[in-house]
């Protein structure tokens, strides 16, 4: 199988020297990429700026902004059997980027923010898509309720929910996995490399089941 994986944060420029971003390290996405490569899958890794070396043998695409990540994911999704959107993409970006550094003064300033383009929702709305779509939900409260809402609204197959307070700046993670067919499973707190190996097994099993079901439907029609 071919995995498309997004990882890390994005940076949304305010001026030539400042940007909006978040604390994502990219470790979970990179661990999933490594785990997929370990068992012989091909990997397209679309990464925001992180302090991690790209996995060997992955097809690596470096991006900075949410727009760049959106365009890369849109461009390569159809090459993939499994799309895992693990990146912490900024939800908002400045409406206008100053061409020059904004100087400090004694006055207050305000920055108008507009929503960024939603990669998970865009891929989820594709008609006749042939890839498994898995998203991540990093939450600080109402973990399962928020994840279930995201699963439905984004029209994806799987949502991996984690507590941001555990996952950020950490080598460990603990996740709850919600499936589009109503199933749910949990991976207890463990190093991200171990969590990643279990996730890859789950993604592959679910994708195989999904592809087999589509093949049966096609056969029945013909």
N, C-alpha and C. Protein backbone atom coordinates (compact mmCIF):
# COMPACT_ATOMS: atom_id res chain seq x y z
N UNK A 1 0.84 -1.20 0.00
CA UNK A 1 0.00 0.00 0.00
C UNK A 1 0.88 1.26 0.00
N UNK A 2 0.30 2.34 -0.45
CA UNK A 2 0.96 3.64 -0.38
C UNK A 2 0.26 4.50 0.66
N UNK A 3 1.04 5.00 1.62
CA UNK A 3 0.53 5.89 2.66
C UNK A 3 0.89 7.33 2.32
N UNK A 4 -0.09 8.23 2.39
CA UNK A 4 0.19 9.66 2.39
C UNK A 4 0.00 10.13 3.82
N UNK A 5 1.02 10.75 4.38
CA UNK A 5 0.99 11.18 5.79
C UNK A 5 1.35 12.66 5.88
N UNK A 6 0.53 13.43 6.59
CA UNK A 6 0.91 14.82 6.89
C UNK A 6 1.37 14.88 8.34
N UNK A 7 2.35 15.73 8.60
CA UNK A 7 2.93 15.78 9.94
C UNK A 7 3.42 17.19 10.26
N UNK A 8 3.53 17.45 11.56
CA UNK A 8 4.11 18.72 12.01
C UNK A 8 3.14 19.88 12.00
N UNK A 9 3.62 21.06 12.34
CA UNK A 9 2.79 22.27 12.34
C UNK A 9 2.85 22.97 10.99
N UNK A 10 2.07 24.01 10.85
CA UNK A 10 2.24 24.95 9.74
C UNK A 10 2.56 26.33 10.33
N UNK A 11 3.12 27.17 9.50
CA UNK A 11 3.43 28.55 9.90
C UNK A 11 2.69 29.51 8.99
N UNK A 12 1.89 30.37 9.60
CA UNK A 12 1.09 31.32 8.84
C UNK A 12 1.68 32.72 9.02
N UNK A 13 2.30 33.28 7.97
CA UNK A 13 3.05 34.53 8.13
C UNK A 13 2.19 35.74 8.48
N UNK A 14 2.74 36.56 9.37
CA UNK A 14 2.15 37.85 9.72
C UNK A 14 2.89 38.96 8.99
N UNK A 15 4.21 38.85 9.00
CA UNK A 15 5.09 39.76 8.26
C UNK A 15 6.35 38.95 7.90
N UNK A 16 7.38 39.54 7.34
CA UNK A 16 8.54 38.73 6.92
C UNK A 16 9.28 38.00 8.04
N UNK A 17 9.05 38.38 9.31
CA UNK A 17 9.80 37.74 10.40
C UNK A 17 8.90 37.07 11.45
N UNK A 18 7.60 37.26 11.38
CA UNK A 18 6.70 36.70 12.38
C UNK A 18 5.66 35.79 11.73
N UNK A 19 5.18 34.82 12.53
CA UNK A 19 4.17 33.91 12.01
C UNK A 19 3.34 33.35 13.17
N UNK A 20 2.18 32.79 12.83
CA UNK A 20 1.36 32.05 13.78
C UNK A 20 1.66 30.57 13.61
N UNK A 21 1.79 29.84 14.72
CA UNK A 21 2.06 28.41 14.62
C UNK A 21 1.56 27.73 15.88
N UNK A 22 2.02 26.51 16.13
CA UNK A 22 1.61 25.76 17.31
C UNK A 22 2.76 24.87 17.77
N UNK A 23 2.53 24.09 18.82
CA UNK A 23 3.61 23.35 19.47
C UNK A 23 3.82 21.94 18.91
N UNK A 24 3.20 21.61 17.81
CA UNK A 24 3.36 20.26 17.26
C UNK A 24 4.83 19.97 16.93
N UNK A 25 5.29 18.79 17.35
CA UNK A 25 6.67 18.37 17.10
C UNK A 25 6.80 17.55 15.81
N UNK A 26 5.67 17.01 15.33
CA UNK A 26 5.71 16.12 14.17
C UNK A 26 6.06 14.68 14.51
N UNK A 27 6.33 14.38 15.77
CA UNK A 27 6.82 13.05 16.14
C UNK A 27 5.82 11.94 15.84
N UNK A 28 4.52 12.21 16.02
CA UNK A 28 3.53 11.16 15.78
C UNK A 28 3.45 10.83 14.29
N UNK A 29 3.39 11.85 13.45
CA UNK A 29 3.33 11.62 12.01
C UNK A 29 4.57 10.92 11.49
N UNK A 30 5.75 11.34 11.97
CA UNK A 30 7.00 10.71 11.53
C UNK A 30 7.06 9.26 12.02
N UNK A 31 6.54 8.99 13.21
CA UNK A 31 6.53 7.62 13.73
C UNK A 31 5.62 6.73 12.88
N UNK A 32 4.49 7.27 12.43
CA UNK A 32 3.60 6.50 11.56
C UNK A 32 4.30 6.22 10.22
N UNK A 33 4.99 7.22 9.70
CA UNK A 33 5.73 7.03 8.44
C UNK A 33 6.78 5.92 8.60
N UNK A 34 7.53 5.95 9.69
CA UNK A 34 8.55 4.92 9.94
C UNK A 34 7.92 3.55 10.09
N UNK A 35 6.79 3.49 10.80
CA UNK A 35 6.13 2.20 11.02
C UNK A 35 5.62 1.62 9.71
N UNK A 36 5.08 2.46 8.84
CA UNK A 36 4.60 1.99 7.55
C UNK A 36 5.76 1.48 6.68
N UNK A 37 6.87 2.21 6.70
CA UNK A 37 8.05 1.79 5.93
C UNK A 37 8.61 0.47 6.45
N UNK A 38 8.58 0.29 7.77
CA UNK A 38 9.13 -0.92 8.39
C UNK A 38 8.48 -2.19 7.84
N UNK A 39 7.19 -2.11 7.52
CA UNK A 39 6.48 -3.31 7.05
C UNK A 39 6.28 -3.31 5.54
N UNK A 40 7.06 -2.49 4.84
CA UNK A 40 7.13 -2.59 3.39
C UNK A 40 6.20 -1.71 2.59
N UNK A 41 5.52 -0.76 3.23
CA UNK A 41 4.63 0.13 2.49
C UNK A 41 5.42 1.31 1.92
N UNK A 42 4.89 1.93 0.88
CA UNK A 42 5.45 3.17 0.35
C UNK A 42 4.86 4.34 1.12
N UNK A 43 5.65 5.39 1.28
CA UNK A 43 5.21 6.54 2.08
C UNK A 43 5.50 7.85 1.36
N UNK A 44 4.48 8.68 1.29
CA UNK A 44 4.62 10.08 0.89
C UNK A 44 4.42 10.89 2.16
N UNK A 45 5.46 11.55 2.64
CA UNK A 45 5.39 12.32 3.88
C UNK A 45 5.41 13.81 3.56
N UNK A 46 4.31 14.48 3.87
CA UNK A 46 4.19 15.93 3.69
C UNK A 46 4.37 16.57 5.07
N UNK A 47 5.45 17.30 5.25
CA UNK A 47 5.81 17.75 6.59
C UNK A 47 5.95 19.26 6.67
N UNK A 48 5.38 19.81 7.75
CA UNK A 48 5.67 21.18 8.13
C UNK A 48 7.03 21.24 8.78
N UNK A 49 7.45 22.43 9.26
CA UNK A 49 8.79 22.60 9.82
C UNK A 49 8.95 21.91 11.18
N UNK A 50 9.84 20.92 11.25
CA UNK A 50 10.11 20.18 12.48
C UNK A 50 11.61 19.96 12.62
N UNK A 51 12.02 19.55 13.81
CA UNK A 51 13.43 19.24 14.06
C UNK A 51 13.65 17.73 14.02
N UNK A 52 13.22 17.11 12.95
CA UNK A 52 13.34 15.67 12.78
C UNK A 52 13.91 15.37 11.40
N UNK A 53 14.71 14.32 11.32
CA UNK A 53 15.25 13.90 10.02
C UNK A 53 14.18 13.12 9.27
N UNK A 54 14.00 13.39 7.98
CA UNK A 54 13.01 12.64 7.20
C UNK A 54 13.35 11.15 7.20
N UNK A 55 12.35 10.29 7.31
CA UNK A 55 12.61 8.85 7.28
C UNK A 55 13.25 8.43 5.96
N UNK A 56 14.21 7.54 6.03
CA UNK A 56 14.84 7.03 4.81
C UNK A 56 13.80 6.27 3.99
N UNK A 57 13.89 6.41 2.69
CA UNK A 57 13.02 5.73 1.74
C UNK A 57 11.62 6.32 1.63
N UNK A 58 11.32 7.37 2.40
CA UNK A 58 10.04 8.06 2.22
C UNK A 58 10.18 9.10 1.12
N UNK A 59 9.11 9.32 0.42
CA UNK A 59 9.04 10.43 -0.54
C UNK A 59 8.67 11.67 0.27
N UNK A 60 9.62 12.57 0.44
CA UNK A 60 9.49 13.65 1.41
C UNK A 60 9.14 14.97 0.70
N UNK A 61 8.08 15.63 1.20
CA UNK A 61 7.66 16.92 0.66
C UNK A 61 7.62 17.91 1.81
N UNK A 62 8.48 18.91 1.76
CA UNK A 62 8.56 19.91 2.81
C UNK A 62 7.67 21.11 2.49
N UNK A 63 6.87 21.53 3.47
CA UNK A 63 6.00 22.69 3.29
C UNK A 63 6.11 23.58 4.53
N UNK A 64 5.63 24.82 4.38
CA UNK A 64 5.60 25.73 5.52
C UNK A 64 4.18 26.09 5.93
N UNK A 65 3.38 26.55 4.98
CA UNK A 65 2.07 27.10 5.31
C UNK A 65 0.96 26.07 5.12
N UNK A 66 -0.21 26.42 5.65
CA UNK A 66 -1.38 25.56 5.47
C UNK A 66 -1.77 25.46 4.00
N UNK A 67 -1.62 26.55 3.26
CA UNK A 67 -1.95 26.51 1.84
C UNK A 67 -1.03 25.54 1.09
N UNK A 68 0.26 25.56 1.43
CA UNK A 68 1.20 24.64 0.79
C UNK A 68 0.87 23.19 1.13
N UNK A 69 0.50 22.95 2.39
CA UNK A 69 0.15 21.58 2.78
C UNK A 69 -1.14 21.13 2.11
N UNK A 70 -2.11 22.03 2.02
CA UNK A 70 -3.37 21.72 1.34
C UNK A 70 -3.11 21.31 -0.10
N UNK A 71 -2.33 22.11 -0.79
CA UNK A 71 -2.08 21.85 -2.21
C UNK A 71 -1.30 20.55 -2.42
N UNK A 72 -0.34 20.26 -1.54
CA UNK A 72 0.43 19.02 -1.67
C UNK A 72 -0.45 17.80 -1.40
N UNK A 73 -1.31 17.88 -0.38
CA UNK A 73 -2.19 16.75 -0.07
C UNK A 73 -3.19 16.52 -1.20
N UNK A 74 -3.75 17.59 -1.72
CA UNK A 74 -4.70 17.47 -2.83
C UNK A 74 -4.03 16.84 -4.05
N UNK A 75 -2.79 17.22 -4.28
CA UNK A 75 -2.08 16.77 -5.48
C UNK A 75 -1.73 15.28 -5.41
N UNK A 76 -1.43 14.78 -4.21
CA UNK A 76 -0.90 13.42 -4.10
C UNK A 76 -1.88 12.41 -3.50
N UNK A 77 -3.05 12.84 -3.08
CA UNK A 77 -4.00 11.92 -2.41
C UNK A 77 -4.38 10.74 -3.30
N UNK A 78 -4.62 10.99 -4.56
CA UNK A 78 -5.06 9.90 -5.44
C UNK A 78 -3.96 8.89 -5.76
N UNK A 79 -2.72 9.19 -5.38
CA UNK A 79 -1.64 8.23 -5.53
C UNK A 79 -1.60 7.25 -4.35
N UNK A 80 -2.47 7.47 -3.38
CA UNK A 80 -2.37 6.77 -2.10
C UNK A 80 -3.53 5.81 -1.87
N UNK A 81 -3.26 4.81 -1.05
CA UNK A 81 -4.30 3.89 -0.58
C UNK A 81 -4.81 4.31 0.79
N UNK A 82 -3.94 4.93 1.57
CA UNK A 82 -4.28 5.38 2.92
C UNK A 82 -3.76 6.80 3.10
N UNK A 83 -4.65 7.73 3.46
CA UNK A 83 -4.25 9.10 3.77
C UNK A 83 -4.40 9.32 5.27
N UNK A 84 -3.31 9.64 5.94
CA UNK A 84 -3.31 9.86 7.38
C UNK A 84 -2.96 11.32 7.62
N UNK A 85 -3.94 12.11 8.02
CA UNK A 85 -3.72 13.54 8.21
C UNK A 85 -3.45 13.81 9.68
N UNK A 86 -2.17 13.75 10.00
CA UNK A 86 -1.72 13.85 11.39
C UNK A 86 -1.20 15.25 11.72
N UNK A 87 -0.97 16.08 10.71
CA UNK A 87 -0.39 17.40 10.93
C UNK A 87 -1.32 18.29 11.76
N UNK A 88 -0.71 19.17 12.52
CA UNK A 88 -1.45 20.18 13.28
C UNK A 88 -1.52 21.45 12.43
N UNK A 89 -2.44 21.43 11.48
CA UNK A 89 -2.57 22.56 10.55
C UNK A 89 -3.24 23.73 11.27
N UNK A 90 -2.72 24.92 11.09
CA UNK A 90 -3.32 26.10 11.71
C UNK A 90 -4.76 26.24 11.27
N UNK A 91 -5.63 26.59 12.21
CA UNK A 91 -7.05 26.78 11.88
C UNK A 91 -7.30 28.15 11.25
N UNK A 92 -6.42 29.10 11.55
CA UNK A 92 -6.61 30.46 11.04
C UNK A 92 -5.28 31.00 10.50
N UNK A 93 -5.40 31.95 9.58
CA UNK A 93 -4.23 32.65 9.05
C UNK A 93 -4.57 34.13 8.94
N UNK A 94 -3.56 35.01 8.99
CA UNK A 94 -3.82 36.44 8.84
C UNK A 94 -4.47 36.74 7.50
N UNK A 95 -5.45 37.63 7.52
CA UNK A 95 -6.13 38.02 6.28
C UNK A 95 -5.19 38.76 5.35
N UNK A 96 -4.25 39.49 5.93
CA UNK A 96 -3.27 40.23 5.15
C UNK A 96 -1.89 40.03 5.77
N UNK A 97 -0.89 39.85 4.93
CA UNK A 97 0.49 39.72 5.40
C UNK A 97 1.22 41.01 5.10
N UNK A 98 1.81 41.61 6.14
CA UNK A 98 2.54 42.87 5.94
C UNK A 98 3.81 42.61 5.13
N UNK A 99 4.08 43.39 4.10
CA UNK A 99 5.30 43.19 3.31
C UNK A 99 6.56 43.61 4.05
N UNK A 100 6.40 44.40 5.11
CA UNK A 100 7.54 44.86 5.91
C UNK A 100 7.32 44.49 7.37
N UNK A 101 8.39 44.38 8.13
CA UNK A 101 8.27 44.06 9.56
C UNK A 101 7.42 45.10 10.26
N UNK A 102 6.46 44.61 11.05
CA UNK A 102 5.60 45.51 11.81
C UNK A 102 6.39 46.04 13.00
N UNK A 103 6.53 47.35 13.09
CA UNK A 103 7.32 47.96 14.16
C UNK A 103 6.52 48.05 15.46
N UNK A 104 7.22 47.84 16.56
CA UNK A 104 6.59 47.96 17.87
C UNK A 104 6.33 49.42 18.19
N UNK A 105 5.16 49.67 18.74
CA UNK A 105 4.82 51.03 19.17
C UNK A 105 4.05 50.93 20.47
N UNK A 106 3.66 52.05 20.99
CA UNK A 106 2.90 52.04 22.24
C UNK A 106 1.43 51.75 22.03
N UNK A 107 1.01 51.65 20.78
CA UNK A 107 -0.40 51.43 20.49
C UNK A 107 -0.73 49.94 20.39
N UNK A 108 -1.98 49.64 20.66
CA UNK A 108 -2.45 48.27 20.44
C UNK A 108 -2.60 48.03 18.94
N UNK A 109 -2.42 46.79 18.53
CA UNK A 109 -2.69 46.44 17.14
C UNK A 109 -3.61 45.22 17.13
N UNK A 110 -4.33 45.05 16.06
CA UNK A 110 -5.17 43.87 15.92
C UNK A 110 -4.87 43.23 14.57
N UNK A 111 -4.98 41.93 14.53
CA UNK A 111 -4.72 41.17 13.30
C UNK A 111 -6.00 40.41 12.95
N UNK A 112 -6.53 40.65 11.78
CA UNK A 112 -7.71 39.94 11.33
C UNK A 112 -7.30 38.54 10.86
N UNK A 113 -8.00 37.55 11.39
CA UNK A 113 -7.71 36.17 11.03
C UNK A 113 -8.86 35.59 10.22
N UNK A 114 -8.52 34.77 9.25
CA UNK A 114 -9.52 34.08 8.44
C UNK A 114 -9.25 32.58 8.49
N UNK A 115 -10.28 31.75 8.32
CA UNK A 115 -10.06 30.29 8.38
C UNK A 115 -9.13 29.81 7.27
N UNK A 116 -8.30 28.84 7.59
CA UNK A 116 -7.49 28.19 6.57
C UNK A 116 -8.34 27.15 5.84
N UNK A 117 -7.86 26.69 4.71
CA UNK A 117 -8.57 25.65 3.97
C UNK A 117 -8.46 24.31 4.72
N UNK A 118 -9.55 23.57 4.76
CA UNK A 118 -9.65 22.34 5.55
C UNK A 118 -9.26 21.14 4.69
N UNK A 119 -8.09 20.59 4.93
CA UNK A 119 -7.59 19.47 4.12
C UNK A 119 -8.44 18.23 4.32
N UNK A 120 -8.75 17.89 5.57
CA UNK A 120 -9.51 16.68 5.86
C UNK A 120 -10.90 16.75 5.23
N UNK A 121 -11.55 17.88 5.38
CA UNK A 121 -12.89 18.03 4.82
C UNK A 121 -12.87 17.98 3.29
N UNK A 122 -11.86 18.59 2.69
CA UNK A 122 -11.76 18.59 1.24
C UNK A 122 -11.58 17.18 0.69
N UNK A 123 -10.69 16.40 1.31
CA UNK A 123 -10.49 15.03 0.85
C UNK A 123 -11.70 14.15 1.15
N UNK A 124 -12.35 14.43 2.28
CA UNK A 124 -13.53 13.66 2.65
C UNK A 124 -14.70 13.87 1.70
N UNK A 125 -14.75 15.02 1.06
CA UNK A 125 -15.85 15.33 0.14
C UNK A 125 -15.60 14.85 -1.29
N UNK A 126 -14.41 14.31 -1.55
CA UNK A 126 -14.14 13.82 -2.90
C UNK A 126 -15.11 12.70 -3.26
N UNK A 127 -15.68 12.79 -4.43
CA UNK A 127 -16.58 11.73 -4.89
C UNK A 127 -15.76 10.55 -5.42
N UNK A 128 -16.24 9.36 -5.09
CA UNK A 128 -15.63 8.12 -5.58
C UNK A 128 -14.16 8.00 -5.17
N UNK A 129 -13.81 8.50 -3.97
CA UNK A 129 -12.42 8.38 -3.55
C UNK A 129 -12.06 6.92 -3.31
N UNK A 130 -10.83 6.59 -3.61
CA UNK A 130 -10.38 5.21 -3.53
C UNK A 130 -9.34 5.00 -2.43
N UNK A 131 -9.26 5.93 -1.48
CA UNK A 131 -8.30 5.79 -0.39
C UNK A 131 -9.01 5.84 0.96
N UNK A 132 -8.43 5.16 1.93
CA UNK A 132 -8.89 5.27 3.31
C UNK A 132 -8.47 6.64 3.83
N UNK A 133 -9.38 7.33 4.49
CA UNK A 133 -9.08 8.67 5.01
C UNK A 133 -9.14 8.65 6.53
N UNK A 134 -7.99 8.89 7.16
CA UNK A 134 -7.89 8.92 8.62
C UNK A 134 -7.42 10.29 9.07
N UNK A 135 -8.16 10.90 9.98
CA UNK A 135 -7.77 12.19 10.53
C UNK A 135 -7.40 12.07 12.00
N UNK A 136 -6.79 13.11 12.51
CA UNK A 136 -6.46 13.18 13.93
C UNK A 136 -7.24 14.32 14.58
N UNK A 137 -7.62 14.12 15.84
CA UNK A 137 -8.30 15.16 16.61
C UNK A 137 -7.55 15.34 17.92
N UNK A 138 -6.85 16.46 18.04
CA UNK A 138 -6.15 16.78 19.28
C UNK A 138 -7.07 17.67 20.11
N UNK A 139 -7.48 17.19 21.26
CA UNK A 139 -8.46 17.89 22.08
C UNK A 139 -7.93 18.11 23.50
N UNK A 140 -8.52 19.05 24.19
CA UNK A 140 -8.21 19.27 25.60
C UNK A 140 -9.41 18.98 26.50
N UNK A 141 -10.57 18.76 25.89
CA UNK A 141 -11.78 18.42 26.65
C UNK A 141 -12.76 17.69 25.74
N UNK A 142 -13.67 16.93 26.35
CA UNK A 142 -14.71 16.20 25.61
C UNK A 142 -14.12 15.46 24.42
N UNK A 143 -13.10 14.67 24.69
CA UNK A 143 -12.30 14.05 23.64
C UNK A 143 -13.14 13.24 22.65
N UNK A 144 -13.90 12.29 23.14
CA UNK A 144 -14.63 11.40 22.23
C UNK A 144 -15.79 12.12 21.55
N UNK A 145 -16.46 13.00 22.26
CA UNK A 145 -17.58 13.73 21.67
C UNK A 145 -17.10 14.63 20.53
N UNK A 146 -16.01 15.33 20.75
CA UNK A 146 -15.47 16.21 19.71
C UNK A 146 -14.95 15.40 18.53
N UNK A 147 -14.32 14.26 18.82
CA UNK A 147 -13.79 13.42 17.76
C UNK A 147 -14.92 12.82 16.92
N UNK A 148 -16.00 12.38 17.57
CA UNK A 148 -17.14 11.82 16.85
C UNK A 148 -17.78 12.86 15.94
N UNK A 149 -17.85 14.09 16.42
CA UNK A 149 -18.40 15.17 15.61
C UNK A 149 -17.52 15.42 14.39
N UNK A 150 -16.22 15.41 14.58
CA UNK A 150 -15.28 15.62 13.48
C UNK A 150 -15.37 14.49 12.47
N UNK A 151 -15.49 13.26 12.94
CA UNK A 151 -15.61 12.09 12.06
C UNK A 151 -16.80 12.25 11.11
N UNK A 152 -17.91 12.71 11.66
CA UNK A 152 -19.12 12.87 10.85
C UNK A 152 -19.02 14.07 9.92
N UNK A 153 -18.58 15.21 10.44
CA UNK A 153 -18.56 16.43 9.66
C UNK A 153 -17.56 16.38 8.51
N UNK A 154 -16.44 15.71 8.72
CA UNK A 154 -15.39 15.67 7.70
C UNK A 154 -15.56 14.50 6.73
N UNK A 155 -16.51 13.61 7.02
CA UNK A 155 -16.79 12.47 6.15
C UNK A 155 -15.55 11.60 5.94
N UNK A 156 -14.83 11.34 7.02
CA UNK A 156 -13.66 10.46 6.91
C UNK A 156 -14.00 9.08 7.45
N UNK A 157 -13.09 8.14 7.31
CA UNK A 157 -13.33 6.76 7.70
C UNK A 157 -12.92 6.48 9.14
N UNK A 158 -11.88 7.17 9.58
CA UNK A 158 -11.32 6.95 10.92
C UNK A 158 -10.91 8.30 11.51
N UNK A 159 -11.14 8.48 12.80
CA UNK A 159 -10.57 9.61 13.54
C UNK A 159 -9.75 9.04 14.70
N UNK A 160 -8.52 9.50 14.80
CA UNK A 160 -7.65 9.14 15.93
C UNK A 160 -7.64 10.33 16.88
N UNK A 161 -8.22 10.14 18.05
CA UNK A 161 -8.35 11.23 19.01
C UNK A 161 -7.31 11.10 20.10
N UNK A 162 -6.66 12.21 20.41
CA UNK A 162 -5.70 12.20 21.52
C UNK A 162 -5.80 13.49 22.33
N UNK A 163 -5.40 13.38 23.59
CA UNK A 163 -5.38 14.53 24.48
C UNK A 163 -4.13 15.35 24.17
N UNK A 164 -4.33 16.58 23.72
CA UNK A 164 -3.20 17.42 23.32
C UNK A 164 -2.22 17.63 24.47
N UNK A 165 -2.72 17.59 25.69
CA UNK A 165 -1.84 17.82 26.84
C UNK A 165 -0.88 16.66 27.06
N UNK A 166 -1.23 15.48 26.57
CA UNK A 166 -0.34 14.33 26.66
C UNK A 166 0.60 14.28 25.45
N UNK A 167 0.04 14.56 24.27
CA UNK A 167 0.78 14.33 23.03
C UNK A 167 1.81 15.40 22.70
N UNK A 168 1.49 16.67 23.00
CA UNK A 168 2.39 17.76 22.59
C UNK A 168 3.71 17.71 23.35
N UNK A 169 4.80 17.93 22.62
CA UNK A 169 6.14 17.97 23.21
C UNK A 169 6.47 16.69 23.98
N UNK A 170 5.96 15.56 23.54
CA UNK A 170 6.14 14.31 24.26
C UNK A 170 6.52 13.20 23.29
N UNK A 171 7.22 12.18 23.80
CA UNK A 171 7.53 11.00 23.01
C UNK A 171 6.47 9.92 23.19
N UNK A 172 5.43 10.22 23.98
CA UNK A 172 4.37 9.25 24.24
C UNK A 172 3.03 9.78 23.74
N UNK A 173 2.10 8.85 23.59
CA UNK A 173 0.75 9.23 23.21
C UNK A 173 -0.23 8.17 23.71
N UNK A 174 -1.49 8.54 23.76
CA UNK A 174 -2.58 7.65 24.13
C UNK A 174 -3.75 8.04 23.26
N UNK A 175 -4.33 7.10 22.54
CA UNK A 175 -5.34 7.47 21.54
C UNK A 175 -6.60 6.62 21.66
N UNK A 176 -7.70 7.23 21.23
CA UNK A 176 -8.96 6.53 21.02
C UNK A 176 -9.25 6.61 19.53
N UNK A 177 -9.55 5.47 18.91
CA UNK A 177 -9.79 5.43 17.47
C UNK A 177 -11.27 5.18 17.23
N UNK A 178 -11.90 6.11 16.51
CA UNK A 178 -13.31 5.99 16.16
C UNK A 178 -13.42 5.67 14.67
N UNK A 179 -14.28 4.71 14.33
CA UNK A 179 -14.45 4.27 12.96
C UNK A 179 -15.81 4.73 12.42
N UNK A 180 -15.85 4.91 11.11
CA UNK A 180 -17.08 5.36 10.48
C UNK A 180 -18.23 4.39 10.62
N UNK A 181 -17.93 3.10 10.86
CA UNK A 181 -18.99 2.11 11.02
C UNK A 181 -19.46 1.98 12.46
N UNK A 182 -18.98 2.89 13.34
CA UNK A 182 -19.45 2.91 14.72
C UNK A 182 -18.55 2.20 15.71
N UNK A 183 -17.54 1.49 15.23
CA UNK A 183 -16.63 0.80 16.14
C UNK A 183 -15.70 1.80 16.84
N UNK A 184 -15.10 1.34 17.93
CA UNK A 184 -14.17 2.18 18.69
C UNK A 184 -13.14 1.29 19.35
N UNK A 185 -11.90 1.75 19.39
CA UNK A 185 -10.85 1.02 20.10
C UNK A 185 -9.88 2.02 20.72
N UNK A 186 -9.08 1.54 21.65
CA UNK A 186 -8.17 2.43 22.37
C UNK A 186 -6.77 1.83 22.39
N UNK A 187 -5.78 2.70 22.26
CA UNK A 187 -4.38 2.30 22.46
C UNK A 187 -3.90 3.04 23.70
N UNK A 188 -3.53 2.28 24.71
CA UNK A 188 -3.11 2.88 25.99
C UNK A 188 -1.80 3.66 25.83
N UNK A 189 -1.52 4.47 26.81
CA UNK A 189 -0.34 5.34 26.75
C UNK A 189 0.94 4.52 26.56
N UNK A 190 1.71 4.93 25.54
CA UNK A 190 2.93 4.20 25.18
C UNK A 190 3.80 5.11 24.33
N UNK A 191 5.06 4.76 24.10
CA UNK A 191 5.89 5.55 23.18
C UNK A 191 5.21 5.68 21.82
N UNK A 192 5.39 6.83 21.19
CA UNK A 192 4.72 7.08 19.91
C UNK A 192 5.09 6.06 18.85
N UNK A 193 6.30 5.52 18.89
CA UNK A 193 6.70 4.51 17.92
C UNK A 193 5.84 3.25 18.04
N UNK A 194 5.50 2.87 19.27
CA UNK A 194 4.66 1.69 19.49
C UNK A 194 3.22 1.99 19.08
N UNK A 195 2.73 3.17 19.46
CA UNK A 195 1.38 3.58 19.05
C UNK A 195 1.28 3.59 17.53
N UNK A 196 2.32 4.09 16.88
CA UNK A 196 2.33 4.18 15.41
C UNK A 196 2.23 2.80 14.78
N UNK A 197 2.96 1.82 15.30
CA UNK A 197 2.91 0.47 14.73
C UNK A 197 1.50 -0.11 14.83
N UNK A 198 0.85 0.13 15.96
CA UNK A 198 -0.52 -0.37 16.12
C UNK A 198 -1.47 0.35 15.18
N UNK A 199 -1.27 1.65 15.00
CA UNK A 199 -2.13 2.41 14.09
C UNK A 199 -1.98 1.92 12.65
N UNK A 200 -0.76 1.66 12.23
CA UNK A 200 -0.54 1.18 10.86
C UNK A 200 -1.26 -0.15 10.64
N UNK A 201 -1.20 -1.05 11.62
CA UNK A 201 -1.92 -2.32 11.53
C UNK A 201 -3.42 -2.08 11.36
N UNK A 202 -3.95 -1.15 12.16
CA UNK A 202 -5.39 -0.84 12.10
C UNK A 202 -5.76 -0.23 10.76
N UNK A 203 -4.96 0.72 10.30
CA UNK A 203 -5.24 1.36 9.01
C UNK A 203 -5.25 0.33 7.87
N UNK A 204 -4.26 -0.55 7.88
CA UNK A 204 -4.15 -1.54 6.81
C UNK A 204 -5.33 -2.53 6.85
N UNK A 205 -5.68 -2.97 8.04
CA UNK A 205 -6.80 -3.90 8.17
C UNK A 205 -8.09 -3.27 7.69
N UNK A 206 -8.33 -2.02 8.11
CA UNK A 206 -9.56 -1.33 7.73
C UNK A 206 -9.58 -1.02 6.24
N UNK A 207 -8.43 -0.63 5.69
CA UNK A 207 -8.34 -0.31 4.26
C UNK A 207 -8.59 -1.56 3.42
N UNK A 208 -8.00 -2.68 3.83
CA UNK A 208 -8.20 -3.94 3.09
C UNK A 208 -9.66 -4.33 3.09
N UNK A 209 -10.30 -4.20 4.24
CA UNK A 209 -11.72 -4.51 4.34
C UNK A 209 -12.55 -3.59 3.44
N UNK A 210 -12.19 -2.30 3.42
CA UNK A 210 -12.91 -1.33 2.61
C UNK A 210 -12.74 -1.63 1.12
N UNK A 211 -11.50 -1.94 0.71
CA UNK A 211 -11.24 -2.23 -0.70
C UNK A 211 -11.94 -3.52 -1.14
N UNK A 212 -11.93 -4.54 -0.27
CA UNK A 212 -12.59 -5.80 -0.60
C UNK A 212 -14.09 -5.60 -0.79
N UNK A 213 -14.67 -4.75 0.07
CA UNK A 213 -16.10 -4.47 -0.03
C UNK A 213 -16.42 -3.78 -1.35
N UNK A 214 -15.57 -2.82 -1.76
CA UNK A 214 -15.80 -2.12 -3.02
C UNK A 214 -15.66 -3.07 -4.21
N UNK A 215 -14.69 -4.00 -4.12
CA UNK A 215 -14.51 -4.98 -5.21
C UNK A 215 -15.74 -5.85 -5.36
N UNK A 216 -16.34 -6.24 -4.22
CA UNK A 216 -17.55 -7.06 -4.25
C UNK A 216 -18.69 -6.30 -4.89
N UNK A 217 -18.82 -5.01 -4.56
CA UNK A 217 -19.89 -4.19 -5.13
C UNK A 217 -19.74 -4.04 -6.64
N UNK A 218 -18.49 -3.86 -7.08
CA UNK A 218 -18.23 -3.73 -8.52
C UNK A 218 -18.56 -5.03 -9.24
N UNK A 219 -18.17 -6.15 -8.63
CA UNK A 219 -18.45 -7.46 -9.22
C UNK A 219 -19.95 -7.71 -9.34
N UNK A 220 -20.69 -7.33 -8.30
CA UNK A 220 -22.13 -7.52 -8.30
C UNK A 220 -22.79 -6.70 -9.40
N UNK A 221 -22.29 -5.48 -9.63
CA UNK A 221 -22.87 -4.62 -10.67
C UNK A 221 -22.62 -5.18 -12.08
N UNK A 222 -21.44 -5.78 -12.24
CA UNK A 222 -21.08 -6.30 -13.57
C UNK A 222 -21.68 -7.69 -13.80
